[in-house]
């Protein structure tokens, strides 16, 4: 018995030593193998700022893949693809000038085939086809981008002239850069004094190609963050607010409690609340509203669930105490913006990093004159928030629904 145990221990030890023995490198790369044959060009599809090149690969057991080499903005660039694909993309050209690129088959031993020269004719790049502008806004200026139909990754660079701030020699300085892949989007630079300044804006892509520059002399409109210390629940007869689960953590006053990104102390109506539903705020001051910031419940309702999708803002300087609508004026109709856009059927669709950032950090609603809201900046003493749909109820005939918001902040002017 002892002999068997001894033999077992010895065999186990030998297996352990054998298992730990370092093996030499198994290298199957044949450095003497010739370079693979060239690819065969099949088709070139030109697109804005580049092209898609389709090819067929040679039959060669030593083939690793294919690469394309080209010169862009004075720099030599290359893109690679495995042997299991048949297309390569070249991109980033800043003009429609014809370009020649070189296609190579690449061997496992990294030897290159003879090049295949491919001529491409890039279409007009996005930096030259998008439309953009800058205009004065409340508290600053608004930079707008439109017609980015290819959803190109673009930067809008905002400049200002130091002549207006320092009185010294004219010198353009960069104020802010806005990045987007949206088909259309507006950006705001706030915190500017209501005095004339020279501004400029241009568009840049990720390869350094730029558009022409737009210049404007603009005077930002006066705007302040309106105080909430005197806000009160007006509790008019037709208003509806019943907190979810009857909890004080979800009461109406949390709409203006100053806690912006939170999971508690939020506004959350009961699941059985009517849809649409509205509440009325006594402002405690005479005010004119220019924009609204909305803060969602932290890390919840990302373009979904009980987050408000559409709502209306109404104002009155003398609301009828019976809660009727005759003494109210529409200030704005709003839908939650999604930078990447909604689907053709208005479905939410994929959510991008830009969408996520906008939802949690940058959601704003600008008040602007419309056919239905002809005087959005009228002086008011009361506001009425009318929630017309959540993401759950949007596009349905639901007569009940919940609304969840962490905070609303109003900007404009005090008229007291």
Protein backbone atom coordinates (compact mmCIF):
# COMPACT_ATOMS: atom_id res chain seq x y z
CA UNK A 1 0.00 0.00 0.00
CA UNK A 2 2.83 2.38 0.89
CA UNK A 3 4.53 1.54 -2.39
CA UNK A 4 1.38 2.46 -4.36
CA UNK A 5 1.08 5.78 -2.56
CA UNK A 6 4.75 6.54 -3.24
CA UNK A 7 4.35 5.75 -6.95
CA UNK A 8 1.26 7.94 -7.17
CA UNK A 9 3.08 10.89 -5.57
CA UNK A 10 6.06 10.48 -7.94
CA UNK A 11 3.82 10.37 -11.03
CA UNK A 12 1.93 13.48 -9.89
CA UNK A 13 5.20 15.34 -9.27
CA UNK A 14 6.53 14.40 -12.72
CA UNK A 15 3.29 15.57 -14.34
CA UNK A 16 3.52 18.88 -12.46
CA UNK A 17 7.13 19.43 -13.57
CA UNK A 18 6.22 18.52 -17.12
CA UNK A 19 3.24 20.89 -17.05
CA UNK A 20 5.40 23.77 -15.85
CA UNK A 21 8.12 23.20 -18.40
CA UNK A 22 8.40 26.19 -20.72
CA UNK A 23 7.74 25.22 -24.29
CA UNK A 24 9.56 26.84 -27.17
CA UNK A 25 7.59 29.27 -29.39
CA UNK A 26 5.60 27.56 -32.11
CA UNK A 27 6.08 29.93 -35.01
CA UNK A 28 4.33 28.97 -38.24
CA UNK A 29 5.17 32.18 -40.12
CA UNK A 30 7.17 31.39 -43.20
CA UNK A 31 9.43 34.38 -43.80
CA UNK A 32 10.52 32.90 -47.10
CA UNK A 33 6.98 32.79 -48.49
CA UNK A 34 6.46 35.21 -51.37
CA UNK A 35 4.22 38.24 -51.15
CA UNK A 36 0.59 37.48 -52.00
CA UNK A 37 -0.92 38.37 -55.35
CA UNK A 38 -2.66 41.75 -55.66
CA UNK A 39 -6.35 42.19 -55.03
CA UNK A 40 -8.78 42.68 -57.91
CA UNK A 41 -10.71 45.95 -57.86
CA UNK A 42 -14.47 45.41 -58.09
CA UNK A 43 -16.18 48.75 -57.43
CA UNK A 44 -15.65 52.27 -56.07
CA UNK A 45 -18.55 54.05 -54.39
CA UNK A 46 -17.75 57.69 -53.77
CA UNK A 47 -19.31 59.37 -50.75
CA UNK A 48 -18.95 62.73 -48.93
CA UNK A 49 -15.27 63.19 -48.18
CA UNK A 50 -14.19 59.70 -49.25
CA UNK A 51 -15.14 56.43 -50.86
CA UNK A 52 -15.91 52.76 -50.23
CA UNK A 53 -13.66 50.42 -52.20
CA UNK A 54 -14.82 46.90 -52.94
CA UNK A 55 -12.38 44.24 -54.12
CA UNK A 56 -11.86 40.49 -54.38
CA UNK A 57 -8.90 38.89 -52.63
CA UNK A 58 -6.43 36.42 -54.14
CA UNK A 59 -6.48 32.75 -53.17
CA UNK A 60 -3.38 32.44 -51.01
CA UNK A 61 -3.01 30.46 -47.77
CA UNK A 62 -0.48 33.02 -46.53
CA UNK A 63 -2.85 35.98 -47.00
CA UNK A 64 -3.46 37.99 -43.82
CA UNK A 65 -5.59 40.83 -45.16
CA UNK A 66 -5.70 43.98 -47.26
CA UNK A 67 -4.72 47.57 -46.59
CA UNK A 68 -5.17 50.88 -48.36
CA UNK A 69 -2.63 53.68 -48.23
CA UNK A 70 -3.46 57.28 -49.10
CA UNK A 71 -2.42 60.88 -48.42
CA UNK A 72 -4.86 63.10 -46.53
CA UNK A 73 -4.07 66.70 -45.62
CA UNK A 74 -0.39 66.07 -46.26
CA UNK A 75 -0.22 62.99 -44.01
CA UNK A 76 0.14 59.37 -45.12
CA UNK A 77 -2.78 57.32 -43.78
CA UNK A 78 -3.75 53.69 -44.00
CA UNK A 79 -6.70 51.46 -43.20
CA UNK A 80 -6.66 47.68 -42.86
CA UNK A 81 -9.15 44.87 -43.27
CA UNK A 82 -8.96 41.13 -42.62
CA UNK A 83 -9.13 38.57 -45.38
CA UNK A 84 -12.74 37.86 -44.40
CA UNK A 85 -14.06 41.19 -45.70
CA UNK A 86 -14.14 42.67 -49.18
CA UNK A 87 -14.39 46.43 -48.59
CA UNK A 88 -12.24 49.24 -47.23
CA UNK A 89 -13.22 52.82 -46.47
CA UNK A 90 -11.12 55.92 -47.12
CA UNK A 91 -12.39 59.13 -45.56
CA UNK A 92 -11.59 62.60 -44.36
CA UNK A 93 -10.84 64.42 -47.62
CA UNK A 94 -11.67 68.11 -47.46
CA UNK A 95 -12.46 68.66 -51.14
CA UNK A 96 -13.81 66.97 -54.26
CA UNK A 97 -10.38 66.81 -55.91
CA UNK A 98 -9.66 63.37 -57.45
CA UNK A 99 -7.44 61.17 -55.28
CA UNK A 100 -5.31 58.11 -55.95
CA UNK A 101 -5.05 55.45 -53.27
CA UNK A 102 -3.04 52.23 -53.20
CA UNK A 103 -4.46 48.81 -52.33
CA UNK A 104 -2.14 46.06 -51.08
CA UNK A 105 -2.60 42.42 -50.21
CA UNK A 106 -0.76 41.71 -46.95
CA UNK A 107 0.85 38.35 -46.21
CA UNK A 108 1.06 36.68 -42.82
CA UNK A 109 4.75 37.48 -42.95
CA UNK A 110 3.78 41.13 -43.59
CA UNK A 111 5.06 41.13 -47.14
CA UNK A 112 3.06 43.39 -49.45
CA UNK A 113 1.80 42.65 -52.90
CA UNK A 114 2.32 44.95 -55.81
CA UNK A 115 -0.04 47.93 -55.31
CA UNK A 116 -3.29 48.39 -57.17
CA UNK A 117 -3.85 52.07 -57.91
CA UNK A 118 -7.44 53.16 -57.39
CA UNK A 119 -8.84 56.53 -58.42
CA UNK A 120 -11.60 58.00 -56.28
CA UNK A 121 -13.62 61.20 -56.59
CA UNK A 122 -14.88 62.18 -53.12
CA UNK A 123 -18.20 63.96 -52.97
CA UNK A 124 -18.50 67.32 -51.23
CA UNK A 125 -17.46 66.80 -47.57
CA UNK A 126 -19.96 67.49 -44.77
CA UNK A 127 -18.11 70.61 -43.56
CA UNK A 128 -19.04 72.21 -46.89
CA UNK A 129 -22.64 71.01 -47.16
CA UNK A 130 -24.00 71.63 -43.65
CA UNK A 131 -25.68 74.95 -42.93
CA UNK A 132 -24.99 76.76 -39.69
CA UNK A 133 -25.38 80.19 -38.15
CA UNK A 134 -25.19 82.17 -34.92
CA UNK A 135 -27.84 84.45 -33.46
CA UNK A 136 -28.47 86.38 -30.29
CA UNK A 137 -30.37 84.67 -27.51
CA UNK A 138 -31.32 85.17 -23.90
CA UNK A 139 -28.18 85.34 -21.80
CA UNK A 140 -25.85 84.74 -24.73
CA UNK A 141 -25.81 83.47 -28.29
CA UNK A 142 -27.23 80.42 -30.04
CA UNK A 143 -25.17 78.40 -32.52
CA UNK A 144 -27.32 76.29 -34.84
CA UNK A 145 -26.40 73.42 -37.14
CA UNK A 146 -28.74 72.12 -39.84
CA UNK A 147 -28.73 69.68 -42.74
CA UNK A 148 -26.04 67.35 -41.39
CA UNK A 149 -27.75 64.59 -43.36
CA UNK A 150 -24.84 62.15 -43.09
CA UNK A 151 -24.76 62.55 -39.29
CA UNK A 152 -21.06 63.34 -39.59
CA UNK A 153 -19.08 63.85 -36.39
CA UNK A 154 -18.61 67.63 -36.43
CA UNK A 155 -17.43 70.42 -34.15
CA UNK A 156 -18.83 73.95 -34.19
CA UNK A 157 -16.16 76.37 -33.04
CA UNK A 158 -17.41 79.64 -31.51
CA UNK A 159 -15.06 82.64 -31.48
CA UNK A 160 -15.34 86.12 -30.00
CA UNK A 161 -13.44 89.33 -30.59
CA UNK A 162 -11.43 90.69 -27.65
CA UNK A 163 -11.79 94.23 -29.01
CA UNK A 164 -15.19 94.49 -27.33
CA UNK A 165 -14.01 93.19 -23.96
CA UNK A 166 -10.50 94.61 -23.61
CA UNK A 167 -10.58 97.61 -25.91
CA UNK A 168 -7.23 96.50 -27.26
CA UNK A 169 -6.15 95.29 -30.67
CA UNK A 170 -8.63 93.00 -32.39
CA UNK A 171 -7.90 89.36 -31.64
CA UNK A 172 -10.20 86.42 -32.17
CA UNK A 173 -10.26 83.92 -29.31
CA UNK A 174 -12.03 80.57 -29.02
CA UNK A 175 -14.98 80.74 -26.63
CA UNK A 176 -16.37 77.22 -26.87
CA UNK A 177 -16.49 74.15 -29.10
CA UNK A 178 -19.66 72.10 -29.50
CA UNK A 179 -19.51 68.51 -30.75
CA UNK A 180 -22.39 66.69 -32.40
CA UNK A 181 -23.44 63.95 -34.80
CA UNK A 182 -27.00 65.23 -35.00
CA UNK A 183 -28.72 66.02 -38.27
CA UNK A 184 -29.73 69.33 -36.67
CA UNK A 185 -29.05 70.84 -33.28
CA UNK A 186 -28.79 74.14 -31.44
CA UNK A 187 -26.19 75.03 -28.82
CA UNK A 188 -26.19 77.96 -26.43
CA UNK A 189 -23.35 79.92 -24.92
CA UNK A 190 -24.75 81.59 -21.81
CA UNK A 191 -23.53 84.02 -19.19
CA UNK A 192 -22.80 86.91 -21.54
CA UNK A 193 -23.51 90.56 -20.78
CA UNK A 194 -26.27 92.29 -22.78
CA UNK A 195 -23.91 94.39 -24.90
CA UNK A 196 -22.78 94.25 -28.52
CA UNK A 197 -19.99 91.82 -29.36
CA UNK A 198 -18.48 90.40 -32.52
CA UNK A 199 -18.81 86.63 -32.87
CA UNK A 200 -17.70 84.08 -35.44
CA UNK A 201 -18.36 80.39 -35.94
CA UNK A 202 -17.07 77.70 -38.26
CA UNK A 203 -17.43 73.93 -38.61
CA UNK A 204 -14.55 71.48 -38.28
CA UNK A 205 -14.45 67.72 -38.81
CA UNK A 206 -12.24 65.22 -36.98
CA UNK A 207 -9.59 65.36 -39.72
CA UNK A 208 -9.11 69.11 -39.46
CA UNK A 209 -11.12 70.13 -42.53
CA UNK A 210 -13.01 73.37 -41.97
CA UNK A 211 -15.89 75.33 -43.46
CA UNK A 212 -16.01 79.01 -44.23
CA UNK A 213 -16.50 81.26 -41.19
CA UNK A 214 -19.72 83.12 -40.40
CA UNK A 215 -19.32 86.52 -38.68
CA UNK A 216 -22.02 88.34 -36.72
CA UNK A 217 -22.28 91.38 -34.43
CA UNK A 218 -24.83 90.42 -31.78
CA UNK A 219 -26.23 91.75 -28.51
CA UNK A 220 -27.27 89.01 -26.05
CA UNK A 221 -30.66 89.54 -24.42
CA UNK A 222 -30.82 90.08 -20.68
CA UNK A 223 -31.65 86.93 -18.70
CA UNK A 224 -31.27 85.67 -15.15
CA UNK A 225 -31.91 82.43 -13.31
CA UNK A 226 -35.26 83.16 -11.73
CA UNK A 227 -35.49 82.73 -7.94
CA UNK A 228 -37.60 79.88 -6.61
CA UNK A 229 -37.74 80.93 -2.95
CA UNK A 230 -41.29 82.28 -3.27
CA UNK A 231 -42.68 79.44 -5.43
CA UNK A 232 -45.83 77.88 -4.01
CA UNK A 233 -48.31 75.20 -5.03
CA UNK A 234 -51.33 77.23 -6.18
CA UNK A 235 -53.53 74.11 -5.85
CA UNK A 236 -56.30 75.29 -8.15
CA UNK A 237 -59.46 73.15 -8.34
CA UNK A 238 -58.75 71.55 -11.74
CA UNK A 239 -55.10 70.78 -10.93
CA UNK A 240 -54.15 67.19 -10.31
CA UNK A 241 -51.28 65.97 -8.23
CA UNK A 242 -51.22 62.88 -6.10
CA UNK A 243 -47.73 61.70 -5.21
CA UNK A 244 -46.61 58.20 -6.06
CA UNK A 245 -47.15 55.86 -3.12
CA UNK A 246 -48.41 58.88 -1.15
CA UNK A 247 -44.79 59.64 -0.27
CA UNK A 248 -43.39 63.07 0.64
CA UNK A 249 -40.28 62.08 -1.30
CA UNK A 250 -42.36 62.61 -4.45
CA UNK A 251 -44.35 65.75 -3.61
CA UNK A 252 -45.06 68.52 -6.10
CA UNK A 253 -42.81 71.06 -4.35
CA UNK A 254 -39.80 68.92 -5.33
CA UNK A 255 -40.15 70.41 -8.81
CA UNK A 256 -38.36 73.54 -7.53
CA UNK A 257 -36.47 72.38 -4.42
CA UNK A 258 -33.06 73.02 -6.00
CA UNK A 259 -31.99 69.37 -5.97
CA UNK A 260 -31.29 68.74 -9.64
CA UNK A 261 -29.75 65.27 -10.07
CA UNK A 262 -31.27 62.89 -7.56
CA UNK A 263 -33.26 59.70 -7.12
CA UNK A 264 -35.13 60.98 -4.09
CA UNK A 265 -36.96 64.24 -3.39
CA UNK A 266 -38.34 64.22 -6.94
CA UNK A 267 -41.69 65.02 -8.52
CA UNK A 268 -43.48 61.75 -9.20
CA UNK A 269 -47.23 61.57 -9.72
CA UNK A 270 -49.28 58.51 -8.95
CA UNK A 271 -49.63 55.77 -11.58
CA UNK A 272 -53.38 56.42 -11.69
CA UNK A 273 -53.00 60.14 -12.48
CA UNK A 274 -55.08 61.39 -15.43
CA UNK A 275 -53.37 62.10 -18.72
CA UNK A 276 -52.99 64.91 -19.53
CA UNK A 277 -52.28 66.22 -16.02
CA UNK A 278 -51.35 69.70 -14.85
CA UNK A 279 -50.17 71.63 -11.81
CA UNK A 280 -50.05 75.37 -11.11
CA UNK A 281 -47.17 77.28 -9.54
CA UNK A 282 -47.62 80.63 -7.80
CA UNK A 283 -44.30 82.35 -8.61
CA UNK A 284 -44.45 84.94 -5.82
CA UNK A 285 -43.10 87.49 -8.31
CA UNK A 286 -43.95 89.01 -11.66
CA UNK A 287 -41.74 87.25 -14.23
CA UNK A 288 -41.10 86.79 -17.93
CA UNK A 289 -39.93 83.31 -18.95
CA UNK A 290 -37.35 82.81 -21.71
CA UNK A 291 -36.27 79.18 -21.26
CA UNK A 292 -36.67 76.11 -19.10
CA UNK A 293 -34.10 73.65 -17.86
CA UNK A 294 -35.34 70.15 -17.06
CA UNK A 295 -33.46 67.76 -14.82
CA UNK A 296 -34.57 64.10 -14.98
CA UNK A 297 -34.47 61.56 -12.21
CA UNK A 298 -30.84 60.48 -11.94
CA UNK A 299 -30.01 57.33 -13.93
CA UNK A 300 -33.66 56.55 -14.70
CA UNK A 301 -36.22 56.99 -17.49
CA UNK A 302 -33.64 57.46 -20.23
CA UNK A 303 -36.01 58.42 -23.10
CA UNK A 304 -38.41 55.94 -21.58
CA UNK A 305 -40.97 55.20 -18.91
CA UNK A 306 -42.49 58.05 -16.90
CA UNK A 307 -40.16 60.75 -18.18
CA UNK A 308 -42.24 63.53 -19.80
CA UNK A 309 -42.01 63.47 -23.58
CA UNK A 310 -44.38 66.33 -24.40
CA UNK A 311 -45.68 69.16 -22.24
CA UNK A 312 -47.05 72.68 -22.42
CA UNK A 313 -46.26 75.80 -20.41
CA UNK A 314 -49.07 78.24 -19.69
CA UNK A 315 -48.92 81.60 -17.95
CA UNK A 316 -51.34 83.97 -16.25
CA UNK A 317 -51.08 87.23 -14.35
CA UNK A 318 -54.54 86.79 -12.78
CA UNK A 319 -55.71 83.16 -12.81
CA UNK A 320 -59.37 82.42 -12.20
CA UNK A 321 -59.60 80.77 -8.77
CA UNK A 322 -61.97 78.15 -10.19
CA UNK A 323 -59.02 76.61 -12.10
CA UNK A 324 -60.57 77.11 -15.55
CA UNK A 325 -58.37 77.83 -18.58
CA UNK A 326 -59.96 81.09 -19.79
CA UNK A 327 -57.46 83.28 -17.92
CA UNK A 328 -54.41 81.36 -19.16
CA UNK A 329 -52.14 81.99 -22.16
CA UNK A 330 -50.03 79.36 -23.90
CA UNK A 331 -46.32 80.16 -23.59
CA UNK A 332 -44.91 77.11 -25.33
CA UNK A 333 -45.43 73.54 -26.56
CA UNK A 334 -42.43 71.26 -26.13
CA UNK A 335 -41.17 67.78 -26.92
CA UNK A 336 -38.06 66.26 -25.40
CA UNK A 337 -35.22 66.67 -27.89
CA UNK A 338 -33.07 63.66 -28.81
CA UNK A 339 -29.81 64.62 -30.60
CA UNK A 340 -29.69 61.48 -32.75
CA UNK A 341 -33.36 61.90 -33.63
CA UNK A 342 -36.44 59.71 -33.33
CA UNK A 343 -37.37 57.04 -35.87
CA UNK A 344 -39.68 57.49 -38.83
CA UNK A 345 -42.57 56.34 -36.65
CA UNK A 346 -41.36 58.62 -33.82
CA UNK A 347 -40.02 55.60 -31.95
CA UNK A 348 -37.06 56.26 -29.62
CA UNK A 349 -34.63 53.98 -31.46
CA UNK A 350 -30.94 53.57 -30.54
CA UNK A 351 -29.55 55.87 -27.84
CA UNK A 352 -26.12 57.41 -28.38
CA UNK A 353 -23.64 58.87 -25.89
CA UNK A 354 -24.68 62.32 -27.12
CA UNK A 355 -28.34 61.46 -26.42
CA UNK A 356 -27.48 60.28 -22.91
CA UNK A 357 -25.49 63.42 -22.13
CA UNK A 358 -28.28 65.66 -23.39
CA UNK A 359 -30.97 63.85 -21.38
CA UNK A 360 -29.14 63.98 -18.06
CA UNK A 361 -27.20 67.23 -18.33
CA UNK A 362 -28.35 69.59 -21.07
CA UNK A 363 -32.09 69.41 -21.65
CA UNK A 364 -33.44 72.91 -22.31
CA UNK A 365 -36.60 74.31 -23.85
CA UNK A 366 -36.47 77.72 -25.51
CA UNK A 367 -39.59 79.86 -25.55
CA UNK A 368 -40.13 81.32 -29.00
CA UNK A 369 -43.14 82.98 -30.64
CA UNK A 370 -45.35 80.56 -32.60
CA UNK A 371 -48.83 80.64 -34.11
CA UNK A 372 -50.21 79.07 -30.93
CA UNK A 373 -47.98 81.00 -28.50
CA UNK A 374 -47.75 84.48 -29.94
CA UNK A 375 -46.55 86.21 -26.77
CA UNK A 376 -44.34 83.73 -24.87
CA UNK A 377 -42.50 86.47 -22.95
CA UNK A 378 -45.56 88.06 -21.38
CA UNK A 379 -45.34 88.99 -17.71
CA UNK A 380 -46.91 86.33 -15.49
CA UNK A 381 -47.43 85.65 -11.81
CA UNK A 382 -48.42 82.00 -12.23
CA UNK A 383 -47.22 79.13 -14.39
CA UNK A 384 -49.15 76.00 -15.28
CA UNK A 385 -47.27 72.89 -16.39
CA UNK A 386 -49.46 70.63 -18.48
CA UNK A 387 -47.93 67.20 -19.11
CA UNK A 388 -49.48 65.79 -22.27
CA UNK A 389 -47.52 62.53 -22.57
CA UNK A 390 -44.81 60.41 -21.02
CA UNK A 391 -42.65 58.02 -23.01
CA UNK A 392 -45.02 55.26 -21.95
CA UNK A 393 -48.20 57.04 -23.05
CA UNK A 394 -46.87 58.88 -26.13
CA UNK A 395 -48.76 57.91 -29.29
CA UNK A 396 -51.40 55.99 -27.32
CA UNK A 397 -54.90 56.82 -26.17
CA UNK A 398 -53.97 56.32 -22.52
CA UNK A 399 -56.09 58.34 -20.11
CA UNK A 400 -53.85 57.62 -17.13
CA UNK A 401 -50.12 57.83 -16.61
CA UNK A 402 -47.29 58.76 -14.30
CA UNK A 403 -44.87 61.68 -14.73
CA UNK A 404 -41.45 61.81 -13.07
CA UNK A 405 -39.18 64.88 -13.06
CA UNK A 406 -36.37 65.81 -10.68
CA UNK A 407 -36.40 69.59 -11.19
CA UNK A 408 -37.51 72.47 -13.39
CA UNK A 409 -35.49 75.69 -13.48
CA UNK A 410 -36.83 78.80 -15.18
CA UNK A 411 -34.80 81.59 -16.77
CA UNK A 412 -35.98 85.03 -17.84
CA UNK A 413 -36.52 88.43 -16.29
CA UNK A 414 -37.94 89.69 -13.01
CA UNK A 415 -40.66 92.28 -13.64
CA UNK A 416 -41.37 93.38 -10.03
